[in-house]
Each structure stands twice: as C-alpha cells, then as structure tokens.
PDB file of N, CA and C in Angstrom:
ATOM      1  N   MET A   1     -59.397-138.755 119.536  1.00  0.00           N
ATOM      2  CA  MET A   1     -58.473-138.886 118.432  1.00  0.00           C
ATOM      3  C   MET A   1     -57.365-139.844 118.835  1.00  0.00           C
ATOM      4  N   ASP A   2     -56.963-140.656 117.899  1.00  0.00           N
ATOM      5  CA  ASP A   2     -55.920-141.640 118.128  1.00  0.00           C
ATOM      6  C   ASP A   2     -54.562-140.944 118.129  1.00  0.00           C
ATOM      7  N   ASP A   3     -53.809-141.121 119.213  1.00  0.00           N
ATOM      8  CA  ASP A   3     -52.491-140.490 119.312  1.00  0.00           C
ATOM      9  C   ASP A   3     -51.532-140.973 118.234  1.00  0.00           C
ATOM     10  N   ASP A   4     -51.755-142.178 117.696  1.00  0.00           N
ATOM     11  CA  ASP A   4     -50.880-142.696 116.644  1.00  0.00           C
ATOM     12  C   ASP A   4     -51.021-141.905 115.345  1.00  0.00           C
ATOM     13  N   ALA A   5     -52.173-141.258 115.151  1.00  0.00           N
ATOM     14  CA  ALA A   5     -52.410-140.500 113.927  1.00  0.00           C
ATOM     15  C   ALA A   5     -51.768-139.114 113.977  1.00  0.00           C
ATOM     16  N   LEU A   6     -51.392-138.662 115.158  1.00  0.00           N
ATOM     17  CA  LEU A   6     -50.788-137.348 115.301  1.00  0.00           C
ATOM     18  C   LEU A   6     -49.404-137.306 114.670  1.00  0.00           C
ATOM     19  N   ILE A   7     -49.069-136.167 114.098  1.00  0.00           N
ATOM     20  CA  ILE A   7     -47.784-135.995 113.421  1.00  0.00           C
ATOM     21  C   ILE A   7     -46.893-135.113 114.298  1.00  0.00           C
ATOM     22  N   PRO A   8     -45.736-135.600 114.697  1.00  0.00           N
ATOM     23  CA  PRO A   8     -44.837-134.766 115.511  1.00  0.00           C
ATOM     24  C   PRO A   8     -44.410-133.512 114.752  1.00  0.00           C
ATOM     25  N   VAL A   9     -44.405-132.379 115.443  1.00  0.00           N
ATOM     26  CA  VAL A   9     -44.022-131.110 114.831  1.00  0.00           C
ATOM     27  C   VAL A   9     -42.623-131.207 114.234  1.00  0.00           C
ATOM     28  N   GLU A  10     -41.717-131.854 114.944  1.00  0.00           N
ATOM     29  CA  GLU A  10     -40.337-131.971 114.453  1.00  0.00           C
ATOM     30  C   GLU A  10     -40.282-132.739 113.129  1.00  0.00           C
ATOM     31  N   LEU A  11     -41.080-133.790 113.011  1.00  0.00           N
ATOM     32  CA  LEU A  11     -41.119-134.568 111.770  1.00  0.00           C
ATOM     33  C   LEU A  11     -41.659-133.724 110.626  1.00  0.00           C
ATOM     34  N   PHE A  12     -42.730-132.982 110.888  1.00  0.00           N
ATOM     35  CA  PHE A  12     -43.289-132.101 109.864  1.00  0.00           C
ATOM     36  C   PHE A  12     -42.251-131.084 109.408  1.00  0.00           C
ATOM     37  N   CYS A  13     -41.577-130.459 110.369  1.00  0.00           N
ATOM     38  CA  CYS A  13     -40.584-129.436 110.046  1.00  0.00           C
ATOM     39  C   CYS A  13     -39.414-130.010 109.251  1.00  0.00           C
ATOM     40  N   THR A  14     -38.961-131.176 109.632  1.00  0.00           N
ATOM     41  CA  THR A  14     -37.863-131.828 108.911  1.00  0.00           C
ATOM     42  C   THR A  14     -38.288-132.173 107.493  1.00  0.00           C
ATOM     43  N   THR A  15     -39.466-132.722 107.351  1.00  0.00           N
ATOM     44  CA  THR A  15     -39.976-133.134 106.038  1.00  0.00           C
ATOM     45  C   THR A  15     -40.196-131.937 105.123  1.00  0.00           C
ATOM     46  N   CYS A  16     -40.744-130.852 105.676  1.00  0.00           N
ATOM     47  CA  CYS A  16     -41.059-129.667 104.867  1.00  0.00           C
ATOM     48  C   CYS A  16     -39.930-128.639 104.832  1.00  0.00           C
ATOM     49  N   HIS A  17     -38.836-128.926 105.527  1.00  0.00           N
ATOM     50  CA  HIS A  17     -37.667-128.040 105.557  1.00  0.00           C
ATOM     51  C   HIS A  17     -38.019-126.646 106.072  1.00  0.00           C
ATOM     52  N   VAL A  18     -38.745-126.603 107.192  1.00  0.00           N
ATOM     53  CA  VAL A  18     -39.072-125.330 107.824  1.00  0.00           C
ATOM     54  C   VAL A  18     -38.633-125.374 109.285  1.00  0.00           C
ATOM     55  N   GLU A  19     -38.455-124.207 109.848  1.00  0.00           N
ATOM     56  CA  GLU A  19     -38.059-124.091 111.255  1.00  0.00           C
ATOM     57  C   GLU A  19     -39.289-124.266 112.144  1.00  0.00           C
ATOM     58  N   THR A  20     -39.052-124.790 113.335  1.00  0.00           N
ATOM     59  CA  THR A  20     -40.153-124.941 114.288  1.00  0.00           C
ATOM     60  C   THR A  20     -40.678-123.578 114.736  1.00  0.00           C
ATOM     61  N   THR A  21     -39.862-122.540 114.598  1.00  0.00           N
ATOM     62  CA  THR A  21     -40.318-121.196 114.980  1.00  0.00           C
ATOM     63  C   THR A  21     -41.474-120.734 114.095  1.00  0.00           C
ATOM     64  N   LEU A  22     -41.505-121.173 112.846  1.00  0.00           N
ATOM     65  CA  LEU A  22     -42.635-120.841 111.972  1.00  0.00           C
ATOM     66  C   LEU A  22     -43.913-121.478 112.509  1.00  0.00           C
ATOM     67  N   ILE A  23     -43.829-122.727 112.905  1.00  0.00           N
ATOM     68  CA  ILE A  23     -44.990-123.419 113.461  1.00  0.00           C
ATOM     69  C   ILE A  23     -45.428-122.727 114.752  1.00  0.00           C
ATOM     70  N   ASP A  24     -44.458-122.316 115.577  1.00  0.00           N
ATOM     71  CA  ASP A  24     -44.769-121.583 116.803  1.00  0.00           C
ATOM     72  C   ASP A  24     -45.532-120.294 116.485  1.00  0.00           C
ATOM     73  N   SER A  25     -45.066-119.564 115.492  1.00  0.00           N
ATOM     74  CA  SER A  25     -45.710-118.305 115.106  1.00  0.00           C
ATOM     75  C   SER A  25     -47.122-118.551 114.573  1.00  0.00           C
ATOM     76  N   LEU A  26     -47.277-119.593 113.770  1.00  0.00           N
ATOM     77  CA  LEU A  26     -48.600-119.918 113.238  1.00  0.00           C
ATOM     78  C   LEU A  26     -49.561-120.322 114.357  1.00  0.00           C
ATOM     79  N   GLU A  27     -49.030-121.034 115.336  1.00  0.00           N
ATOM     80  CA  GLU A  27     -49.860-121.425 116.476  1.00  0.00           C
ATOM     81  C   GLU A  27     -50.255-120.198 117.303  1.00  0.00           C
ATOM     82  N   GLN A  28     -49.300-119.314 117.555  1.00  0.00           N
ATOM     83  CA  GLN A  28     -49.577-118.120 118.353  1.00  0.00           C
ATOM     84  C   GLN A  28     -50.599-117.212 117.686  1.00  0.00           C
ATOM     85  N   SER A  29     -50.605-117.194 116.360  1.00  0.00           N
ATOM     86  CA  SER A  29     -51.559-116.343 115.638  1.00  0.00           C
ATOM     87  C   SER A  29     -52.907-117.031 115.446  1.00  0.00           C
ATOM     88  N   GLY A  30     -52.995-118.294 115.856  1.00  0.00           N
ATOM     89  CA  GLY A  30     -54.262-119.015 115.751  1.00  0.00           C
ATOM     90  C   GLY A  30     -54.507-119.653 114.390  1.00  0.00           C
ATOM     91  N   LEU A  31     -53.488-119.720 113.553  1.00  0.00           N
ATOM     92  CA  LEU A  31     -53.654-120.300 112.222  1.00  0.00           C
ATOM     93  C   LEU A  31     -53.555-121.817 112.213  1.00  0.00           C
ATOM     94  N   VAL A  32     -52.974-122.374 113.255  1.00  0.00           N
ATOM     95  CA  VAL A  32     -52.858-123.828 113.361  1.00  0.00           C
ATOM     96  C   VAL A  32     -52.974-124.209 114.832  1.00  0.00           C
ATOM     97  N   GLU A  33     -53.523-125.378 115.067  1.00  0.00           N
ATOM     98  CA  GLU A  33     -53.673-125.855 116.440  1.00  0.00           C
ATOM     99  C   GLU A  33     -52.692-126.992 116.675  1.00  0.00           C
ATOM    100  N   ILE A  34     -51.919-126.858 117.724  1.00  0.00           N
ATOM    101  CA  ILE A  34     -50.935-127.865 118.093  1.00  0.00           C
ATOM    102  C   ILE A  34     -51.452-128.627 119.309  1.00  0.00           C
ATOM    103  N   THR A  35     -51.339-129.951 119.251  1.00  0.00           N
ATOM    104  CA  THR A  35     -51.750-130.805 120.356  1.00  0.00           C
ATOM    105  C   THR A  35     -50.509-131.221 121.133  1.00  0.00           C
ATOM    106  N   VAL A  36     -50.565-131.093 122.450  1.00  0.00           N
ATOM    107  CA  VAL A  36     -49.441-131.489 123.294  1.00  0.00           C
ATOM    108  C   VAL A  36     -49.809-132.771 124.032  1.00  0.00           C
ATOM    109  N   VAL A  37     -48.964-133.791 123.862  1.00  0.00           N
ATOM    110  CA  VAL A  37     -49.151-135.076 124.537  1.00  0.00           C
ATOM    111  C   VAL A  37     -47.819-135.438 125.182  1.00  0.00           C
ATOM    112  N   GLU A  38     -47.838-135.584 126.488  1.00  0.00           N
ATOM    113  CA  GLU A  38     -46.639-135.939 127.241  1.00  0.00           C
ATOM    114  C   GLU A  38     -45.444-135.042 126.883  1.00  0.00           C
ATOM    115  N   HIS A  39     -45.670-133.744 126.894  1.00  0.00           N
ATOM    116  CA  HIS A  39     -44.642-132.728 126.650  1.00  0.00           C
ATOM    117  C   HIS A  39     -44.095-132.740 125.226  1.00  0.00           C
ATOM    118  N   ARG A  40     -44.768-133.446 124.313  1.00  0.00           N
ATOM    119  CA  ARG A  40     -44.365-133.428 122.897  1.00  0.00           C
ATOM    120  C   ARG A  40     -45.468-132.752 122.100  1.00  0.00           C
ATOM    121  N   ARG A  41     -45.082-132.015 121.087  1.00  0.00           N
ATOM    122  CA  ARG A  41     -46.037-131.259 120.273  1.00  0.00           C
ATOM    123  C   ARG A  41     -46.354-132.013 118.990  1.00  0.00           C
ATOM    124  N   PHE A  42     -47.649-132.035 118.661  1.00  0.00           N
ATOM    125  CA  PHE A  42     -48.115-132.778 117.495  1.00  0.00           C
ATOM    126  C   PHE A  42     -49.100-131.946 116.679  1.00  0.00           C
ATOM    127  N   ILE A  43     -49.218-132.339 115.412  1.00  0.00           N
ATOM    128  CA  ILE A  43     -50.182-131.748 114.495  1.00  0.00           C
ATOM    129  C   ILE A  43     -51.238-132.804 114.209  1.00  0.00           C
ATOM    130  N   ALA A  44     -52.496-132.429 114.362  1.00  0.00           N
ATOM    131  CA  ALA A  44     -53.587-133.351 114.047  1.00  0.00           C
ATOM    132  C   ALA A  44     -53.690-133.502 112.532  1.00  0.00           C
ATOM    133  N   PRO A  45     -54.018-134.697 112.050  1.00  0.00           N
ATOM    134  CA  PRO A  45     -54.101-134.925 110.599  1.00  0.00           C
ATOM    135  C   PRO A  45     -55.043-133.962 109.883  1.00  0.00           C
ATOM    136  N   GLU A  46     -56.144-133.564 110.537  1.00  0.00           N
ATOM    137  CA  GLU A  46     -57.080-132.645 109.889  1.00  0.00           C
ATOM    138  C   GLU A  46     -56.513-131.237 109.744  1.00  0.00           C
ATOM    139  N   GLN A  47     -55.445-130.923 110.458  1.00  0.00           N
ATOM    140  CA  GLN A  47     -54.768-129.628 110.362  1.00  0.00           C
ATOM    141  C   GLN A  47     -53.687-129.620 109.276  1.00  0.00           C
ATOM    142  N   LEU A  48     -53.318-130.782 108.821  1.00  0.00           N
ATOM    143  CA  LEU A  48     -52.153-130.920 107.946  1.00  0.00           C
ATOM    144  C   LEU A  48     -52.294-130.151 106.631  1.00  0.00           C
ATOM    145  N   GLY A  49     -53.421-130.285 105.955  1.00  0.00           N
ATOM    146  CA  GLY A  49     -53.608-129.599 104.672  1.00  0.00           C
ATOM    147  C   GLY A  49     -53.522-128.093 104.815  1.00  0.00           C
ATOM    148  N   HIS A  50     -54.181-127.575 105.821  1.00  0.00           N
ATOM    149  CA  HIS A  50     -54.159-126.135 106.069  1.00  0.00           C
ATOM    150  C   HIS A  50     -52.745-125.662 106.416  1.00  0.00           C
ATOM    151  N   LEU A  51     -52.062-126.419 107.260  1.00  0.00           N
ATOM    152  CA  LEU A  51     -50.698-126.059 107.649  1.00  0.00           C
ATOM    153  C   LEU A  51     -49.763-126.081 106.448  1.00  0.00           C
ATOM    154  N   GLU A  52     -49.890-127.093 105.605  1.00  0.00           N
ATOM    155  CA  GLU A  52     -49.047-127.167 104.409  1.00  0.00           C
ATOM    156  C   GLU A  52     -49.289-125.974 103.490  1.00  0.00           C
ATOM    157  N   LYS A  53     -50.553-125.550 103.371  1.00  0.00           N
ATOM    158  CA  LYS A  53     -50.875-124.387 102.546  1.00  0.00           C
ATOM    159  C   LYS A  53     -50.213-123.136 103.116  1.00  0.00           C
ATOM    160  N   MET A  54     -50.278-122.958 104.435  1.00  0.00           N
ATOM    161  CA  MET A  54     -49.661-121.794 105.068  1.00  0.00           C
ATOM    162  C   MET A  54     -48.144-121.804 104.890  1.00  0.00           C
ATOM    163  N   VAL A  55     -47.534-122.976 105.024  1.00  0.00           N
ATOM    164  CA  VAL A  55     -46.081-123.091 104.854  1.00  0.00           C
ATOM    165  C   VAL A  55     -45.692-122.776 103.411  1.00  0.00           C
ATOM    166  N   ARG A  56     -46.457-123.288 102.445  1.00  0.00           N
ATOM    167  CA  ARG A  56     -46.146-122.997 101.034  1.00  0.00           C
ATOM    168  C   ARG A  56     -46.243-121.507 100.747  1.00  0.00           C
ATOM    169  N   LEU A  57     -47.293-120.861 101.241  1.00  0.00           N
ATOM    170  CA  LEU A  57     -47.430-119.423 101.030  1.00  0.00           C
ATOM    171  C   LEU A  57     -46.256-118.670 101.656  1.00  0.00           C
ATOM    172  N   HIS A  58     -45.868-119.098 102.842  1.00  0.00           N
ATOM    173  CA  HIS A  58     -44.757-118.444 103.537  1.00  0.00           C
ATOM    174  C   HIS A  58     -43.433-118.665 102.799  1.00  0.00           C
ATOM    175  N   GLU A  59     -43.169-119.893 102.435  1.00  0.00           N
ATOM    176  CA  GLU A  59     -41.879-120.226 101.826  1.00  0.00           C
ATOM    177  C   GLU A  59     -41.792-119.794 100.357  1.00  0.00           C
ATOM    178  N   ASP A  60     -42.812-120.088  99.568  1.00  0.00           N
ATOM    179  CA  ASP A  60     -42.748-119.828  98.124  1.00  0.00           C
ATOM    180  C   ASP A  60     -42.966-118.359  97.775  1.00  0.00           C
ATOM    181  N   LEU A  61     -43.867-117.711  98.514  1.00  0.00           N
ATOM    182  CA  LEU A  61     -44.199-116.326  98.182  1.00  0.00           C
ATOM    183  C   LEU A  61     -43.659-115.326  99.198  1.00  0.00           C
ATOM    184  N   ASP A  62     -42.941-115.845 100.198  1.00  0.00           N
ATOM    185  CA  ASP A  62     -42.323-115.000 101.227  1.00  0.00           C
ATOM    186  C   ASP A  62     -43.354-114.115 101.938  1.00  0.00           C
ATOM    187  N   ILE A  63     -44.496-114.716 102.277  1.00  0.00           N
ATOM    188  CA  ILE A  63     -45.557-113.999 102.986  1.00  0.00           C
ATOM    189  C   ILE A  63     -45.336-114.193 104.484  1.00  0.00           C
ATOM    190  N   ASN A  64     -45.330-113.090 105.219  1.00  0.00           N
ATOM    191  CA  ASN A  64     -45.103-113.168 106.668  1.00  0.00           C
ATOM    192  C   ASN A  64     -46.385-113.618 107.383  1.00  0.00           C
ATOM    193  N   VAL A  65     -46.275-113.868 108.671  1.00  0.00           N
ATOM    194  CA  VAL A  65     -47.401-114.401 109.446  1.00  0.00           C
ATOM    195  C   VAL A  65     -48.601-113.449 109.444  1.00  0.00           C
ATOM    196  N   PRO A  66     -48.415-112.129 109.629  1.00  0.00           N
ATOM    197  CA  PRO A  66     -49.588-111.253 109.529  1.00  0.00           C
ATOM    198  C   PRO A  66     -50.267-111.330 108.151  1.00  0.00           C
ATOM    199  N   GLY A  67     -49.476-111.486 107.103  1.00  0.00           N
ATOM    200  CA  GLY A  67     -50.038-111.661 105.765  1.00  0.00           C
ATOM    201  C   GLY A  67     -50.803-112.968 105.657  1.00  0.00           C
ATOM    202  N   LEU A  68     -50.283-114.019 106.273  1.00  0.00           N
ATOM    203  CA  LEU A  68     -50.973-115.306 106.283  1.00  0.00           C
ATOM    204  C   LEU A  68     -52.297-115.207 107.035  1.00  0.00           C
ATOM    205  N   GLU A  69     -52.305-114.421 108.113  1.00  0.00           N
ATOM    206  CA  GLU A  69     -53.546-114.208 108.859  1.00  0.00           C
ATOM    207  C   GLU A  69     -54.590-113.540 107.969  1.00  0.00           C
ATOM    208  N   ALA A  70     -54.170-112.531 107.208  1.00  0.00           N
ATOM    209  CA  ALA A  70     -55.090-111.822 106.313  1.00  0.00           C
ATOM    210  C   ALA A  70     -55.609-112.758 105.222  1.00  0.00           C
ATOM    211  N   ILE A  71     -54.730-113.556 104.653  1.00  0.00           N
ATOM    212  CA  ILE A  71     -55.136-114.505 103.613  1.00  0.00           C
ATOM    213  C   ILE A  71     -56.107-115.521 104.185  1.00  0.00           C
ATOM    214  N   HIS A  72     -55.810-116.031 105.376  1.00  0.00           N
ATOM    215  CA  HIS A  72     -56.702-116.992 106.020  1.00  0.00           C
ATOM    216  C   HIS A  72     -58.089-116.382 106.245  1.00  0.00           C
ATOM    217  N   HIS A  73     -58.111-115.147 106.714  1.00  0.00           N
ATOM    218  CA  HIS A  73     -59.387-114.474 106.945  1.00  0.00           C
ATOM    219  C   HIS A  73     -60.164-114.315 105.631  1.00  0.00           C
ATOM    220  N   MET A  74     -59.483-113.888 104.577  1.00  0.00           N
ATOM    221  CA  MET A  74     -60.157-113.706 103.288  1.00  0.00           C
ATOM    222  C   MET A  74     -60.661-115.034 102.725  1.00  0.00           C
ATOM    223  N   LEU A  75     -59.860-116.093 102.835  1.00  0.00           N
ATOM    224  CA  LEU A  75     -60.293-117.400 102.339  1.00  0.00           C
ATOM    225  C   LEU A  75     -61.486-117.928 103.128  1.00  0.00           C
ATOM    226  N   SER A  76     -61.466-117.727 104.434  1.00  0.00           N
ATOM    227  CA  SER A  76     -62.595-118.156 105.265  1.00  0.00           C
ATOM    228  C   SER A  76     -63.853-117.393 104.894  1.00  0.00           C
ATOM    229  N   ARG A  77     -63.703-116.102 104.705  1.00  0.00           N
ATOM    230  CA  ARG A  77     -64.850-115.269 104.325  1.00  0.00           C
ATOM    231  C   ARG A  77     -65.388-115.675 102.953  1.00  0.00           C
ATOM    232  N   MET A  78     -64.494-115.948 102.007  1.00  0.00           N
ATOM    233  CA  MET A  78     -64.909-116.369 100.673  1.00  0.00           C
ATOM    234  C   MET A  78     -65.667-117.697 100.735  1.00  0.00           C
ATOM    235  N   GLU A  79     -65.198-118.618 101.560  1.00  0.00           N
ATOM    236  CA  GLU A  79     -65.874-119.902 101.723  1.00  0.00           C
ATOM    237  C   GLU A  79     -67.276-119.704 102.302  1.00  0.00           C
ATOM    238  N   GLU A  80     -67.397-118.812 103.293  1.00  0.00           N
ATOM    239  CA  GLU A  80     -68.708-118.508 103.865  1.00  0.00           C
ATOM    240  C   GLU A  80     -69.645-117.936 102.805  1.00  0.00           C
ATOM    241  N   LEU A  81     -69.129-117.018 101.987  1.00  0.00           N
ATOM    242  CA  LEU A  81     -69.943-116.400 100.943  1.00  0.00           C
ATOM    243  C   LEU A  81     -70.352-117.419  99.887  1.00  0.00           C
ATOM    244  N   GLN A  82     -69.472-118.347  99.544  1.00  0.00           N
ATOM    245  CA  GLN A  82     -69.817-119.386  98.577  1.00  0.00           C
ATOM    246  C   GLN A  82     -70.915-120.293  99.115  1.00  0.00           C
ATOM    247  N   LYS A  83     -70.851-120.614 100.407  1.00  0.00           N
ATOM    248  CA  LYS A  83     -71.909-121.430 101.019  1.00  0.00           C
ATOM    249  C   LYS A  83     -73.239-120.680 101.004  1.00  0.00           C
ATOM    250  N   GLU A  84     -73.182-119.392 101.312  1.00  0.00           N
ATOM    251  CA  GLU A  84     -74.404-118.588 101.310  1.00  0.00           C
ATOM    252  C   GLU A  84     -74.985-118.494  99.903  1.00  0.00           C
ATOM    253  N   LEU A  85     -74.138-118.305  98.909  1.00  0.00           N
ATOM    254  CA  LEU A  85     -74.586-118.242  97.523  1.00  0.00           C
ATOM    255  C   LEU A  85     -75.250-119.551  97.110  1.00  0.00           C
ATOM    256  N   SER A  86     -74.646-120.657  97.473  1.00  0.00           N
ATOM    257  CA  SER A  86     -75.212-121.967  97.163  1.00  0.00           C
ATOM    258  C   SER A  86     -76.573-122.148  97.840  1.00  0.00           C
ATOM    259  N   ARG A  87     -76.655-121.744  99.090  1.00  0.00           N
ATOM    260  CA  ARG A  87     -77.921-121.840  99.830  1.00  0.00           C
ATOM    261  C   ARG A  87     -79.000-120.992  99.168  1.00  0.00           C
ATOM    262  N   LEU A  88     -78.645-119.780  98.749  1.00  0.00           N
ATOM    263  CA  LEU A  88     -79.613-118.894  98.105  1.00  0.00           C
ATOM    264  C   LEU A  88     -80.037-119.421  96.736  1.00  0.00           C
ATOM    265  N   ARG A  89     -79.107-119.997  95.998  1.00  0.00           N
ATOM    266  CA  ARG A  89     -79.459-120.602  94.702  1.00  0.00           C
ATOM    267  C   ARG A  89     -80.432-121.755  94.881  1.00  0.00           C
ATOM    268  N   ASN A  90     -80.170-122.583  95.873  1.00  0.00           N
ATOM    269  CA  ASN A  90     -81.081-123.695  96.150  1.00  0.00           C
ATOM    270  C   ASN A  90     -82.462-123.186  96.534  1.00  0.00           C
ATOM    271  N   ARG A  91     -82.494-122.125  97.290  1.00  0.00           N
ATOM    272  CA  ARG A  91     -83.775-121.537  97.691  1.00  0.00           C
ATOM    273  C   ARG A  91     -84.526-121.003  96.474  1.00  0.00           C
ATOM    274  N   LEU A  92     -83.798-120.353  95.563  1.00  0.00           N
ATOM    275  CA  LEU A  92     -84.419-119.856  94.338  1.00  0.00           C
ATOM    276  C   LEU A  92     -84.960-121.002  93.479  1.00  0.00           C
ATOM    277  N   ARG A  93     -84.226-122.085  93.412  1.00  0.00           N
ATOM    278  CA  ARG A  93     -84.688-123.237  92.631  1.00  0.00           C
ATOM    279  C   ARG A  93     -86.033-123.750  93.143  1.00  0.00           C
ATOM    280  N   ARG A  94     -86.187-123.747  94.444  1.00  0.00           N
ATOM    281  CA  ARG A  94     -87.448-124.211  95.035  1.00  0.00           C
ATOM    282  C   ARG A  94     -88.618-123.348  94.613  1.00  0.00           C
ATOM    283  N   PHE A  95     -88.331-122.087  94.374  1.00  0.00           N
ATOM    284  CA  PHE A  95     -89.388-121.166  93.956  1.00  0.00           C
ATOM    285  C   PHE A  95     -89.494-121.045  92.440  1.00  0.00           C
ATOM    286  N   GLY A  96     -88.621-121.753  91.699  1.00  0.00           N
ATOM    287  CA  GLY A  96     -88.672-121.760  90.236  1.00  0.00           C
ATOM    288  C   GLY A  96     -88.302-120.440  89.602  1.00  0.00           C
ATOM    289  N   GLU A  97     -87.437-119.677  90.249  1.00  0.00           N
ATOM    290  CA  GLU A  97     -87.086-118.358  89.727  1.00  0.00           C
ATOM    291  C   GLU A  97     -85.714-118.314  89.063  1.00  0.00           C
ATOM    292  N   GLU A  98     -85.049-119.460  88.958  1.00  0.00           N
ATOM    293  CA  GLU A  98     -83.716-119.453  88.367  1.00  0.00           C
ATOM    294  C   GLU A  98     -83.827-119.603  86.867  1.00  0.00           C
ATOM    295  N   ASP A  99     -82.907-118.979  86.121  1.00  0.00           N
ATOM    296  CA  ASP A  99     -82.878-119.049  84.637  1.00  0.00           C
ATOM    297  C   ASP A  99     -82.728-120.457  84.155  1.00  0.00           C
TER     298      ASP A  99
END
C-alpha cells in the first residue's frame, strides 16, 4: 500500500470533529485497523467508509463502542446471509425451480 494514500488519524479526527480516544477505542475493539508508520498513526483508505459509519452511529445516535461492536456483528452476519441467499437462488435457477 502506498503510504501517500494513508490518512493521518489526527486529520480524520479534526475533519470529523471527533476525539482521538474514540478512534483508540474502535481500534482496541477491533472495529477499525490503524496502520503505524514511523510512530505516526494512519487510517487506510479502504477502512475510511467503515470508520465514518461507526463515527456517525456514535455521534448522531449516541451509540457506545460495545453497541457499535454489536451493530458491526449484526451487519456482518446480515451480509453473509445475503451472500448465501444469492448463492442459493443462483443454484435454484440452474435447476429451473425458481418462480
């Protein structure tokens, strides 16, 4: 990954008006991965959308980190189930059993 594409945690926090302690808590709970380069902390671009969603839930709906963990787990599980449903529908189509 190109280090130029990494977003400094401080810049993200300043832009989104959140404390770095929130990012620390999200990292400790495994909800976001922080990359450390030369003693500076960065967010990978592919983590940005997920992190922004977690920050919005925390700030707008006042959901604490354990609540964010539960939401993340449910969303991940729902995504897995949607993939499985799609796979099963495709399998049914091959057998000509779909309405």
